[in-house]
C-alpha atoms as a PDB file:
ATOM      1  CA  MET A   1      -0.621 -30.402  14.384  1.00  0.00           C
ATOM      2  CA  LYS A   2      -2.030 -29.703  11.487  1.00  0.00           C
ATOM      3  CA  LYS A   3      -2.564 -26.187   9.976  1.00  0.00           C
ATOM      4  CA  LYS A   4      -6.302 -24.683   9.628  1.00  0.00           C
ATOM      5  CA  VAL A   5      -7.086 -23.071   6.578  1.00  0.00           C
ATOM      6  CA  ALA A   6     -10.535 -20.888   6.009  1.00  0.00           C
ATOM      7  CA  VAL A   7     -12.135 -21.632   2.894  1.00  0.00           C
ATOM      8  CA  ILE A   8     -14.235 -18.784   1.517  1.00  0.00           C
ATOM      9  CA  PHE A   9     -16.807 -19.865  -0.880  1.00  0.00           C
ATOM     10  CA  THR A  10     -18.173 -17.162  -3.274  1.00  0.00           C
ATOM     11  CA  GLY A  11     -19.397 -18.940  -6.534  1.00  0.00           C
ATOM     12  CA  GLY A  12     -18.389 -19.152  -9.762  1.00  0.00           C
ATOM     13  CA  THR A  13     -18.034 -22.324 -12.260  1.00  0.00           C
ATOM     14  CA  ILE A  14     -16.450 -24.109  -9.628  1.00  0.00           C
ATOM     15  CA  SER A  15     -19.719 -24.353  -7.766  1.00  0.00           C
ATOM     16  CA  MET A  16     -21.926 -24.835 -10.953  1.00  0.00           C
ATOM     17  CA  LYS A  17     -23.430 -28.140 -12.847  1.00  0.00           C
ATOM     18  CA  VAL A  18     -25.809 -28.036 -15.895  1.00  0.00           C
ATOM     19  CA  ASP A  19     -29.233 -27.685 -15.305  1.00  0.00           C
ATOM     20  CA  PRO A  20     -30.760 -30.239 -17.742  1.00  0.00           C
ATOM     21  CA  ARG A  21     -33.979 -28.047 -17.564  1.00  0.00           C
ATOM     22  CA  ILE A  22     -32.298 -25.147 -19.677  1.00  0.00           C
ATOM     23  CA  ASN A  23     -29.065 -27.244 -20.528  1.00  0.00           C
ATOM     24  CA  ALA A  24     -26.791 -24.697 -19.065  1.00  0.00           C
ATOM     25  CA  ALA A  25     -24.360 -24.210 -16.013  1.00  0.00           C
ATOM     26  CA  ILE A  26     -25.836 -22.511 -13.087  1.00  0.00           C
ATOM     27  CA  PRO A  27     -24.530 -22.430  -9.354  1.00  0.00           C
ATOM     28  CA  MET A  28     -25.691 -25.856  -7.642  1.00  0.00           C
ATOM     29  CA  LEU A  29     -22.878 -27.583  -5.962  1.00  0.00           C
ATOM     30  CA  THR A  30     -22.729 -26.576  -2.237  1.00  0.00           C
ATOM     31  CA  SER A  31     -19.277 -26.009  -0.354  1.00  0.00           C
ATOM     32  CA  GLU A  32     -19.600 -29.298   1.465  1.00  0.00           C
ATOM     33  CA  GLU A  33     -20.312 -31.270  -2.041  1.00  0.00           C
ATOM     34  CA  ILE A  34     -16.954 -29.274  -3.513  1.00  0.00           C
ATOM     35  CA  MET A  35     -14.896 -30.100  -0.501  1.00  0.00           C
ATOM     36  CA  SER A  36     -15.818 -33.734  -0.600  1.00  0.00           C
ATOM     37  CA  MET A  37     -14.291 -34.102  -3.924  1.00  0.00           C
ATOM     38  CA  VAL A  38     -10.951 -32.725  -2.631  1.00  0.00           C
ATOM     39  CA  THR A  39      -9.598 -36.275  -1.623  1.00  0.00           C
ATOM     40  CA  ASN A  40      -7.280 -36.674   1.021  1.00  0.00           C
ATOM     41  CA  ILE A  41      -7.032 -32.720   1.896  1.00  0.00           C
ATOM     42  CA  GLU A  42      -7.652 -33.485   5.667  1.00  0.00           C
ATOM     43  CA  LYS A  43      -4.391 -35.316   5.878  1.00  0.00           C
ATOM     44  CA  TYR A  44      -2.719 -31.719   4.926  1.00  0.00           C
ATOM     45  CA  ALA A  45      -5.042 -29.325   6.782  1.00  0.00           C
ATOM     46  CA  ASP A  46      -8.119 -28.552   8.851  1.00  0.00           C
ATOM     47  CA  ILE A  47     -10.506 -26.730   6.693  1.00  0.00           C
ATOM     48  CA  GLU A  48     -13.061 -24.214   7.850  1.00  0.00           C
ATOM     49  CA  ILE A  49     -15.790 -23.425   5.488  1.00  0.00           C
ATOM     50  CA  VAL A  50     -17.123 -20.174   4.897  1.00  0.00           C
ATOM     51  CA  ASN A  51     -20.291 -19.489   2.884  1.00  0.00           C
ATOM     52  CA  PHE A  52     -19.924 -15.970   1.589  1.00  0.00           C
ATOM     53  CA  SER A  53     -21.999 -16.039  -1.474  1.00  0.00           C
ATOM     54  CA  GLN A  54     -22.998 -18.319  -4.793  1.00  0.00           C
ATOM     55  CA  LEU A  55     -22.506 -15.634  -7.382  1.00  0.00           C
ATOM     56  CA  PRO A  56     -21.350 -16.080 -11.031  1.00  0.00           C
ATOM     57  CA  GLY A  57     -18.277 -13.864 -11.526  1.00  0.00           C
ATOM     58  CA  PRO A  58     -20.159 -11.294 -13.605  1.00  0.00           C
ATOM     59  CA  HIS A  59     -22.449 -10.614 -10.554  1.00  0.00           C
ATOM     60  CA  VAL A  60     -19.557  -9.641  -8.293  1.00  0.00           C
ATOM     61  CA  THR A  61     -19.158  -5.915  -8.017  1.00  0.00           C
ATOM     62  CA  PRO A  62     -16.574  -3.557  -6.543  1.00  0.00           C
ATOM     63  CA  GLU A  63     -19.061  -3.327  -3.459  1.00  0.00           C
ATOM     64  CA  ILE A  64     -19.107  -6.931  -2.905  1.00  0.00           C
ATOM     65  CA  MET A  65     -15.423  -7.303  -3.189  1.00  0.00           C
ATOM     66  CA  LEU A  66     -15.285  -4.540  -0.243  1.00  0.00           C
ATOM     67  CA  GLU A  67     -17.541  -6.692   1.612  1.00  0.00           C
ATOM     68  CA  LEU A  68     -15.386  -9.980   0.930  1.00  0.00           C
ATOM     69  CA  SER A  69     -12.260  -7.935   1.866  1.00  0.00           C
ATOM     70  CA  LYS A  70     -13.714  -6.778   5.420  1.00  0.00           C
ATOM     71  CA  LEU A  71     -14.491 -10.520   5.872  1.00  0.00           C
ATOM     72  CA  VAL A  72     -11.084 -11.822   4.818  1.00  0.00           C
ATOM     73  CA  ASN A  73      -9.198  -8.939   7.067  1.00  0.00           C
ATOM     74  CA  GLU A  74     -11.517 -10.297   9.704  1.00  0.00           C
ATOM     75  CA  ILE A  75     -10.680 -13.710   9.361  1.00  0.00           C
ATOM     76  CA  ILE A  76      -7.095 -13.654   9.043  1.00  0.00           C
ATOM     77  CA  LEU A  77      -6.070 -12.084  12.254  1.00  0.00           C
ATOM     78  CA  ARG A  78      -7.414 -15.244  14.096  1.00  0.00           C
ATOM     79  CA  GLU A  79      -4.759 -16.941  15.560  1.00  0.00           C
ATOM     80  CA  ASP A  80      -5.953 -20.211  14.631  1.00  0.00           C
ATOM     81  CA  ILE A  81      -6.090 -19.524  10.630  1.00  0.00           C
ATOM     82  CA  THR A  82      -2.975 -20.236   8.793  1.00  0.00           C
ATOM     83  CA  GLY A  83      -4.238 -18.928   5.564  1.00  0.00           C
ATOM     84  CA  ILE A  84      -7.378 -18.274   3.558  1.00  0.00           C
ATOM     85  CA  VAL A  85      -8.456 -19.701   0.326  1.00  0.00           C
ATOM     86  CA  ILE A  86     -11.358 -18.023  -1.587  1.00  0.00           C
ATOM     87  CA  THR A  87     -13.166 -19.625  -4.535  1.00  0.00           C
ATOM     88  CA  HIS A  88     -14.351 -17.243  -7.242  1.00  0.00           C
ATOM     89  CA  GLY A  89     -15.862 -16.814 -10.900  1.00  0.00           C
ATOM     90  CA  THR A  90     -12.896 -16.815 -13.283  1.00  0.00           C
ATOM     91  CA  ASP A  91     -14.629 -13.839 -15.310  1.00  0.00           C
ATOM     92  CA  THR A  92     -13.790 -11.314 -12.782  1.00  0.00           C
ATOM     93  CA  LEU A  93     -11.039 -13.406 -10.701  1.00  0.00           C
ATOM     94  CA  GLU A  94      -8.240 -11.310 -11.249  1.00  0.00           C
ATOM     95  CA  GLU A  95     -10.409  -8.014 -10.440  1.00  0.00           C
ATOM     96  CA  THR A  96     -11.484  -9.492  -6.877  1.00  0.00           C
ATOM     97  CA  ALA A  97      -7.903 -10.827  -6.423  1.00  0.00           C
ATOM     98  CA  TYR A  98      -6.145  -7.464  -7.102  1.00  0.00           C
ATOM     99  CA  PHE A  99      -9.057  -5.379  -5.102  1.00  0.00           C
ATOM    100  CA  LEU A 100      -8.005  -7.799  -2.121  1.00  0.00           C
ATOM    101  CA  ASP A 101      -4.054  -7.676  -2.882  1.00  0.00           C
ATOM    102  CA  LEU A 102      -4.826  -3.799  -2.243  1.00  0.00           C
ATOM    103  CA  THR A 103      -7.298  -3.751   0.906  1.00  0.00           C
ATOM    104  CA  VAL A 104      -5.945  -6.982   2.748  1.00  0.00           C
ATOM    105  CA  LYS A 105      -3.196  -6.139   5.119  1.00  0.00           C
ATOM    106  CA  CYS A 106      -1.668  -9.119   6.463  1.00  0.00           C
ATOM    107  CA  ILE A 107       1.452 -11.593   5.843  1.00  0.00           C
ATOM    108  CA  LYS A 108      -0.502 -14.599   6.068  1.00  0.00           C
ATOM    109  CA  PRO A 109      -1.139 -16.225   2.587  1.00  0.00           C
ATOM    110  CA  VAL A 110      -4.533 -15.170   0.695  1.00  0.00           C
ATOM    111  CA  ILE A 111      -5.286 -17.459  -2.213  1.00  0.00           C
ATOM    112  CA  VAL A 112      -7.757 -16.930  -4.836  1.00  0.00           C
ATOM    113  CA  VAL A 113      -8.960 -20.051  -6.887  1.00  0.00           C
ATOM    114  CA  GLY A 114     -11.437 -20.886  -9.307  1.00  0.00           C
ATOM    115  CA  ALA A 115     -12.430 -23.474 -12.307  1.00  0.00           C
ATOM    116  CA  MET A 116     -12.881 -23.320 -15.842  1.00  0.00           C
ATOM    117  CA  ARG A 117     -14.974 -26.438 -16.167  1.00  0.00           C
ATOM    118  CA  ASN A 118     -18.366 -27.051 -14.291  1.00  0.00           C
ATOM    119  CA  GLY A 119     -18.875 -30.069 -12.087  1.00  0.00           C
ATOM    120  CA  SER A 120     -21.129 -31.929 -14.933  1.00  0.00           C
ATOM    121  CA  GLU A 121     -18.054 -31.750 -17.404  1.00  0.00           C
ATOM    122  CA  LEU A 122     -15.507 -34.223 -18.107  1.00  0.00           C
ATOM    123  CA  GLY A 123     -12.385 -33.283 -16.542  1.00  0.00           C
ATOM    124  CA  TYR A 124     -13.931 -30.829 -14.109  1.00  0.00           C
ATOM    125  CA  ASP A 125     -10.840 -28.911 -12.477  1.00  0.00           C
ATOM    126  CA  GLY A 126     -12.434 -27.566  -9.107  1.00  0.00           C
ATOM    127  CA  PRO A 127     -10.964 -29.801  -6.661  1.00  0.00           C
ATOM    128  CA  SER A 128      -7.440 -30.116  -8.272  1.00  0.00           C
ATOM    129  CA  ASN A 129      -7.373 -26.337  -8.216  1.00  0.00           C
ATOM    130  CA  LEU A 130      -8.654 -26.370  -4.787  1.00  0.00           C
ATOM    131  CA  SER A 131      -6.310 -28.867  -3.493  1.00  0.00           C
ATOM    132  CA  ALA A 132      -3.461 -26.858  -5.056  1.00  0.00           C
ATOM    133  CA  ALA A 133      -4.506 -23.376  -3.506  1.00  0.00           C
ATOM    134  CA  ILE A 134      -4.644 -25.129   0.096  1.00  0.00           C
ATOM    135  CA  CYS A 135      -1.308 -26.702  -0.375  1.00  0.00           C
ATOM    136  CA  THR A 136      -0.211 -23.149  -1.219  1.00  0.00           C
ATOM    137  CA  ALA A 137      -2.178 -21.629   1.838  1.00  0.00           C
ATOM    138  CA  ILE A 138      -0.423 -23.818   4.214  1.00  0.00           C
ATOM    139  CA  CYS A 139       3.374 -23.354   2.862  1.00  0.00           C
ATOM    140  CA  ASP A 140       5.284 -21.230   4.790  1.00  0.00           C
ATOM    141  CA  ASP A 141       6.971 -19.451   1.745  1.00  0.00           C
ATOM    142  CA  SER A 142       3.744 -18.047   0.846  1.00  0.00           C
ATOM    143  CA  CYS A 143       3.725 -15.411   3.472  1.00  0.00           C
ATOM    144  CA  ASN A 144       4.396 -11.930   2.825  1.00  0.00           C
ATOM    145  CA  ARG A 145       3.307 -12.361  -0.984  1.00  0.00           C
ATOM    146  CA  GLY A 146       0.560 -10.616  -1.253  1.00  0.00           C
ATOM    147  CA  VAL A 147      -2.671 -12.159  -2.803  1.00  0.00           C
ATOM    148  CA  LEU A 148      -2.346 -15.190  -4.921  1.00  0.00           C
ATOM    149  CA  VAL A 149      -4.212 -16.647  -7.788  1.00  0.00           C
ATOM    150  CA  VAL A 150      -3.501 -20.550  -7.985  1.00  0.00           C
ATOM    151  CA  MET A 151      -4.835 -22.571 -11.060  1.00  0.00           C
ATOM    152  CA  ASN A 152      -3.789 -25.479 -12.989  1.00  0.00           C
ATOM    153  CA  ASN A 153      -0.699 -25.938 -10.613  1.00  0.00           C
ATOM    154  CA  GLU A 154       0.772 -22.504 -11.274  1.00  0.00           C
ATOM    155  CA  VAL A 155       1.141 -19.912  -8.529  1.00  0.00           C
ATOM    156  CA  ASN A 156       0.549 -16.035 -10.049  1.00  0.00           C
ATOM    157  CA  ALA A 157       0.485 -12.621  -8.144  1.00  0.00           C
ATOM    158  CA  ALA A 158      -2.821 -10.993  -8.091  1.00  0.00           C
ATOM    159  CA  SER A 159      -0.950  -7.915  -9.165  1.00  0.00           C
ATOM    160  CA  GLU A 160       0.371  -9.415 -12.324  1.00  0.00           C
ATOM    161  CA  VAL A 161      -1.884 -12.326 -13.449  1.00  0.00           C
ATOM    162  CA  THR A 162      -4.675 -12.045 -16.044  1.00  0.00           C
ATOM    163  CA  LYS A 163      -7.447 -14.545 -17.819  1.00  0.00           C
ATOM    164  CA  THR A 164      -5.703 -14.966 -21.334  1.00  0.00           C
ATOM    165  CA  ASN A 165      -8.091 -17.668 -22.808  1.00  0.00           C
ATOM    166  CA  THR A 166     -12.141 -18.206 -22.730  1.00  0.00           C
ATOM    167  CA  LEU A 167     -11.813 -21.773 -22.023  1.00  0.00           C
ATOM    168  CA  SER A 168      -8.273 -23.361 -21.633  1.00  0.00           C
ATOM    169  CA  LEU A 169      -7.443 -24.888 -17.804  1.00  0.00           C
ATOM    170  CA  ASN A 170      -4.136 -22.895 -18.123  1.00  0.00           C
ATOM    171  CA  THR A 171      -5.925 -19.536 -19.004  1.00  0.00           C
ATOM    172  CA  PHE A 172      -4.461 -17.569 -15.959  1.00  0.00           C
ATOM    173  CA  LYS A 173      -0.915 -16.291 -16.773  1.00  0.00           C
ATOM    174  CA  SER A 174       1.180 -13.552 -15.674  1.00  0.00           C
ATOM    175  CA  PRO A 175       2.227 -12.188 -19.461  1.00  0.00           C
ATOM    176  CA  GLN A 176       4.841  -9.312 -18.101  1.00  0.00           C
ATOM    177  CA  PHE A 177       7.021 -11.678 -15.854  1.00  0.00           C
ATOM    178  CA  GLY A 178       5.529 -15.432 -15.738  1.00  0.00           C
ATOM    179  CA  PRO A 179       4.394 -17.029 -12.689  1.00  0.00           C
ATOM    180  CA  LEU A 180       5.826 -17.087  -9.029  1.00  0.00           C
ATOM    181  CA  GLY A 181       6.326 -20.817  -8.727  1.00  0.00           C
ATOM    182  CA  ILE A 182       4.409 -23.974  -9.301  1.00  0.00           C
ATOM    183  CA  VAL A 183       2.366 -26.863  -7.025  1.00  0.00           C
ATOM    184  CA  ASP A 184       4.189 -29.995  -7.709  1.00  0.00           C
ATOM    185  CA  ASN A 185       3.589 -33.301  -5.960  1.00  0.00           C
ATOM    186  CA  ASP A 186       1.247 -31.244  -3.352  1.00  0.00           C
ATOM    187  CA  GLU A 187       4.511 -29.033  -3.013  1.00  0.00           C
ATOM    188  CA  VAL A 188       4.830 -25.241  -3.517  1.00  0.00           C
ATOM    189  CA  LEU A 189       7.997 -24.056  -5.052  1.00  0.00           C
ATOM    190  CA  PHE A 190       8.545 -20.419  -5.371  1.00  0.00           C
ATOM    191  CA  TYR A 191      10.895 -19.147  -8.273  1.00  0.00           C
ATOM    192  CA  ARG A 192      10.917 -15.284  -7.792  1.00  0.00           C
ATOM    193  CA  LYS A 193       9.362 -12.281  -5.660  1.00  0.00           C
ATOM    194  CA  THR A 194       7.037  -9.649  -6.706  1.00  0.00           C
ATOM    195  CA  LYS A 195       7.892  -5.937  -6.025  1.00  0.00           C
ATOM    196  CA  ASN A 196       6.597  -4.094  -2.848  1.00  0.00           C
ATOM    197  CA  HIS A 197       2.818  -3.736  -3.054  1.00  0.00           C
ATOM    198  CA  MET A 198       0.785  -0.927  -1.436  1.00  0.00           C
ATOM    199  CA  HIS A 199      -2.207  -0.965   1.059  1.00  0.00           C
ATOM    200  CA  ILE A 200      -5.365   1.359   0.507  1.00  0.00           C
ATOM    201  CA  ASP A 201      -7.535   1.557   3.348  1.00  0.00           C
ATOM    202  CA  ILE A 202     -11.310   2.256   2.787  1.00  0.00           C
ATOM    203  CA  LYS A 203     -14.458   1.900   4.151  1.00  0.00           C
ATOM    204  CA  GLU A 204     -16.851   2.417   1.338  1.00  0.00           C
ATOM    205  CA  ILE A 205     -17.169   2.818  -2.219  1.00  0.00           C
ATOM    206  CA  THR A 206     -19.060   5.681  -3.742  1.00  0.00           C
ATOM    207  CA  ALA A 207     -16.938   7.225  -6.699  1.00  0.00           C
ATOM    208  CA  LYS A 208     -17.642   5.928 -10.153  1.00  0.00           C
ATOM    209  CA  VAL A 209     -14.747   4.921 -12.550  1.00  0.00           C
ATOM    210  CA  ALA A 210     -15.256   4.148 -16.375  1.00  0.00           C
ATOM    211  CA  LEU A 211     -12.926   1.891 -18.683  1.00  0.00           C
ATOM    212  CA  ILE A 212     -12.557   3.071 -22.330  1.00  0.00           C
ATOM    213  CA  LYS A 213     -10.687   1.217 -24.746  1.00  0.00           C
ATOM    214  CA  CYS A 214      -9.352   3.038 -27.765  1.00  0.00           C
ATOM    215  CA  ALA A 215      -9.495   2.424 -31.251  1.00  0.00           C
ATOM    216  CA  SER A 216      -8.432   4.132 -34.743  1.00  0.00           C
ATOM    217  CA  GLY A 217     -10.562   7.223 -35.376  1.00  0.00           C
ATOM    218  CA  MET A 218     -12.452   7.437 -31.796  1.00  0.00           C
ATOM    219  CA  ASP A 219     -13.523  10.553 -30.591  1.00  0.00           C
ATOM    220  CA  SER A 220     -14.658  12.288 -27.342  1.00  0.00           C
ATOM    221  CA  ASP A 221     -18.283  11.053 -27.021  1.00  0.00           C
ATOM    222  CA  ILE A 222     -17.895   8.328 -24.484  1.00  0.00           C
ATOM    223  CA  ILE A 223     -15.688  10.770 -22.352  1.00  0.00           C
ATOM    224  CA  ASP A 224     -18.044  13.579 -22.375  1.00  0.00           C
ATOM    225  CA  PHE A 225     -20.953  11.336 -21.365  1.00  0.00           C
ATOM    226  CA  CYS A 226     -18.586   9.696 -18.439  1.00  0.00           C
ATOM    227  CA  ILE A 227     -18.186  13.939 -17.428  1.00  0.00           C
ATOM    228  CA  GLU A 228     -22.018  14.493 -17.676  1.00  0.00           C
ATOM    229  CA  SER A 229     -22.884  11.314 -15.728  1.00  0.00           C
ATOM    230  CA  GLY A 230     -20.870  12.131 -12.480  1.00  0.00           C
ATOM    231  CA  TYR A 231     -17.948   9.891 -12.907  1.00  0.00           C
ATOM    232  CA  LYS A 232     -15.081  10.456 -10.831  1.00  0.00           C
ATOM    233  CA  GLY A 233     -12.380   8.963 -12.715  1.00  0.00           C
ATOM    234  CA  ILE A 234     -11.670   7.422 -16.385  1.00  0.00           C
ATOM    235  CA  VAL A 235      -9.289   4.893 -17.245  1.00  0.00           C
ATOM    236  CA  ILE A 236      -8.100   4.921 -20.896  1.00  0.00           C
ATOM    237  CA  GLU A 237      -6.704   1.721 -22.516  1.00  0.00           C
ATOM    238  CA  ALA A 238      -4.596   4.175 -24.888  1.00  0.00           C
ATOM    239  CA  LEU A 239      -2.646   2.559 -28.243  1.00  0.00           C
ATOM    240  CA  GLY A 240       0.934   1.320 -27.899  1.00  0.00           C
ATOM    241  CA  ARG A 241       2.929   3.386 -25.377  1.00  0.00           C
ATOM    242  CA  GLY A 242       0.194   5.551 -24.245  1.00  0.00           C
ATOM    243  CA  ASN A 243      -0.944   7.559 -27.144  1.00  0.00           C
ATOM    244  CA  VAL A 244      -4.748   8.097 -28.310  1.00  0.00           C
ATOM    245  CA  PRO A 245      -6.645   9.176 -31.081  1.00  0.00           C
ATOM    246  CA  ILE A 246      -6.567  13.145 -31.935  1.00  0.00           C
ATOM    247  CA  GLY A 247     -10.282  13.077 -31.676  1.00  0.00           C
ATOM    248  CA  MET A 248      -9.801  12.000 -28.019  1.00  0.00           C
ATOM    249  CA  VAL A 249      -7.953  14.740 -26.823  1.00  0.00           C
ATOM    250  CA  GLU A 250     -10.476  17.604 -26.146  1.00  0.00           C
ATOM    251  CA  GLY A 251     -12.374  15.221 -24.234  1.00  0.00           C
ATOM    252  CA  ILE A 252      -9.316  14.403 -22.249  1.00  0.00           C
ATOM    253  CA  LYS A 253      -8.367  18.124 -21.554  1.00  0.00           C
ATOM    254  CA  ASN A 254     -12.255  18.596 -20.569  1.00  0.00           C
ATOM    255  CA  ALA A 255     -12.262  15.995 -18.175  1.00  0.00           C
ATOM    256  CA  LEU A 256      -8.868  16.859 -16.332  1.00  0.00           C
ATOM    257  CA  LEU A 257     -10.245  20.671 -16.357  1.00  0.00           C
ATOM    258  CA  LYS A 258     -13.800  19.305 -14.605  1.00  0.00           C
ATOM    259  CA  GLY A 259     -11.289  17.456 -11.835  1.00  0.00           C
ATOM    260  CA  LEU A 260     -11.787  13.878 -13.089  1.00  0.00           C
ATOM    261  CA  ALA A 261      -8.462  11.645 -12.576  1.00  0.00           C
ATOM    262  CA  VAL A 262      -7.817  10.173 -15.976  1.00  0.00           C
ATOM    263  CA  VAL A 263      -5.209   6.980 -15.933  1.00  0.00           C
ATOM    264  CA  ILE A 264      -3.441   5.942 -19.203  1.00  0.00           C
ATOM    265  CA  VAL A 265      -2.616   2.533 -19.498  1.00  0.00           C
ATOM    266  CA  SER A 266      -2.071   0.358 -22.740  1.00  0.00           C
ATOM    267  CA  ARG A 267      -4.368  -1.971 -24.786  1.00  0.00           C
ATOM    268  CA  CYS A 268      -1.116  -3.826 -25.357  1.00  0.00           C
ATOM    269  CA  HIS A 269      -0.705  -7.200 -23.426  1.00  0.00           C
ATOM    270  CA  THR A 270       2.818  -6.550 -22.172  1.00  0.00           C
ATOM    271  CA  GLY A 271       5.161  -3.454 -21.673  1.00  0.00           C
ATOM    272  CA  ARG A 272       4.308  -0.129 -19.811  1.00  0.00           C
ATOM    273  CA  VAL A 273       3.159   3.274 -20.762  1.00  0.00           C
ATOM    274  CA  LEU A 274       5.530   6.451 -21.115  1.00  0.00           C
ATOM    275  CA  ASP A 275       5.895   9.794 -22.502  1.00  0.00           C
ATOM    276  CA  THR A 276       7.778   8.803 -25.541  1.00  0.00           C
ATOM    277  CA  TYR A 277       6.305  10.342 -28.189  1.00  0.00           C
ATOM    278  CA  GLY A 278       5.555  14.371 -28.841  1.00  0.00           C
ATOM    279  CA  TYR A 279       2.685  14.751 -31.405  1.00  0.00           C
ATOM    280  CA  PRO A 280      -0.814  15.663 -30.737  1.00  0.00           C
ATOM    281  CA  GLY A 281      -2.470  13.007 -28.713  1.00  0.00           C
ATOM    282  CA  ALA A 282       0.771  11.204 -27.877  1.00  0.00           C
ATOM    283  CA  GLY A 283       1.974  10.601 -24.105  1.00  0.00           C
ATOM    284  CA  LYS A 284       4.207  13.647 -23.689  1.00  0.00           C
ATOM    285  CA  GLU A 285       0.943  16.003 -24.587  1.00  0.00           C
ATOM    286  CA  LEU A 286      -1.405  14.016 -22.340  1.00  0.00           C
ATOM    287  CA  ARG A 287       1.198  14.395 -19.512  1.00  0.00           C
ATOM    288  CA  LYS A 288       1.517  18.054 -19.969  1.00  0.00           C
ATOM    289  CA  TYR A 289      -2.373  18.200 -19.634  1.00  0.00           C
ATOM    290  CA  GLY A 290      -2.350  16.051 -16.346  1.00  0.00           C
ATOM    291  CA  VAL A 291      -2.991  12.569 -16.949  1.00  0.00           C
ATOM    292  CA  ILE A 292      -1.856   9.950 -14.899  1.00  0.00           C
ATOM    293  CA  PHE A 293       0.390   6.978 -16.043  1.00  0.00           C
ATOM    294  CA  GLY A 294      -0.814   3.281 -14.824  1.00  0.00           C
ATOM    295  CA  ASP A 295       2.551   1.869 -15.552  1.00  0.00           C
ATOM    296  CA  ASN A 296       1.968  -1.740 -16.800  1.00  0.00           C
ATOM    297  CA  LEU A 297      -1.420  -2.342 -15.413  1.00  0.00           C
ATOM    298  CA  PRO A 298      -4.249  -3.675 -17.619  1.00  0.00           C
ATOM    299  CA  GLY A 299      -7.358  -1.572 -18.236  1.00  0.00           C
ATOM    300  CA  GLN A 300      -9.132  -3.534 -15.666  1.00  0.00           C
ATOM    301  CA  LYS A 301      -6.932  -3.408 -12.878  1.00  0.00           C
ATOM    302  CA  ALA A 302      -5.996   0.042 -13.361  1.00  0.00           C
ATOM    303  CA  ARG A 303     -10.054   0.814 -12.907  1.00  0.00           C
ATOM    304  CA  ILE A 304      -9.778  -1.218  -9.613  1.00  0.00           C
ATOM    305  CA  LYS A 305      -6.902   0.630  -8.222  1.00  0.00           C
ATOM    306  CA  LEU A 306      -8.396   3.980  -9.374  1.00  0.00           C
ATOM    307  CA  LEU A 307     -11.590   2.961  -7.790  1.00  0.00           C
ATOM    308  CA  LEU A 308     -10.105   2.514  -4.534  1.00  0.00           C
ATOM    309  CA  ALA A 309      -7.656   5.485  -4.875  1.00  0.00           C
ATOM    310  CA  LEU A 310     -10.644   7.844  -5.431  1.00  0.00           C
ATOM    311  CA  ASN A 311     -12.607   6.510  -2.493  1.00  0.00           C
ATOM    312  CA  PHE A 312      -9.072   7.022  -0.455  1.00  0.00           C
ATOM    313  CA  SER A 313      -8.223  10.582  -1.502  1.00  0.00           C
ATOM    314  CA  ASN A 314      -9.741  13.402  -3.586  1.00  0.00           C
ATOM    315  CA  ASN A 315      -6.458  14.865  -4.189  1.00  0.00           C
ATOM    316  CA  ILE A 316      -5.438  14.122  -7.604  1.00  0.00           C
ATOM    317  CA  ASP A 317      -1.493  14.431  -6.797  1.00  0.00           C
ATOM    318  CA  THR A 318      -2.253  11.605  -4.106  1.00  0.00           C
ATOM    319  CA  ILE A 319      -3.761   9.639  -6.327  1.00  0.00           C
ATOM    320  CA  ARG A 320      -0.849  10.190  -9.214  1.00  0.00           C
ATOM    321  CA  GLU A 321       1.891   9.054  -6.589  1.00  0.00           C
ATOM    322  CA  MET A 322      -0.170   5.863  -6.127  1.00  0.00           C
ATOM    323  CA  PHE A 323      -0.069   4.882  -9.593  1.00  0.00           C
ATOM    324  CA  GLU A 324       3.424   6.276 -10.585  1.00  0.00           C
ATOM    325  CA  ASN A 325       5.263   5.986  -7.447  1.00  0.00           C
ATOM    326  CA  ASP A 326       8.282   8.077  -8.799  1.00  0.00           C
ATOM    327  CA  ILE A 327       8.584   5.793 -11.764  1.00  0.00           C
ATOM    328  CA  TYR A 328       8.108   8.534 -14.210  1.00  0.00           C
ATOM    329  CA  ILE A 329      10.037  11.811 -13.804  1.00  0.00           C
END
């Protein structure tokens, strides 16, 4: 008996073609048209199409991610469903995938997939990526690995993967540790496991979280604006090991005094933040003030995690534990 996979279509380049009136790609392909290009998939799995939306990646918000998460949590409990594949625009794919990784609690495979070329381009990669994602969803070894991202025949963890190039077919990579595995000849081969990931149960999203990238000579103006505008948290992509320009220190101290959660990550692509340095604006001083260290998360994922954490708890110590998890002593 063939396994059944629910394929949830949310939009993105995988559903786009070039509109000759404006000479630009827009959502045009239906889910049925896309699935019809995934040849011979009926030999491997029964497919149930679920039409969620037809949104470009930049239009996806955390509120939409939450609605998608609720749908995934509902479908994944069905006994007839082996796994779920979700099509998504690549611009925010890693954020939605990580959001789902933190909010979907099930051992069944959940796979997020997209395309880098639209249906009007030579070498449209949507069907091949979708077939690889479905093969991953029906693979027994894909269970209990959290949400996975499958693109260009590579399998990556949602907690690790990021978009690294604006146009390459192999844009989705895990810079820290490399892919979990590959899809080769319609077979999924895993080479390593991921560390345990947490589950954050929320019902709504109300808190606002800002993301600020550090650069030489920056001051506290943007931080002060976030405080005045009612933000509940700020993620700062700091320099190097987790250090900020001296002009940002007073803003960070003010934000902490006002009760905002401030999470420090690095603008570097790899490596974790740590309180190594002790000069003004450095990690040691920032930790003394009360900032939270975000390990090796990139800014966009740290923002998703802080957004969920703040909607789960107002307790800074609880939020700190969610991020630091006894890594920093």
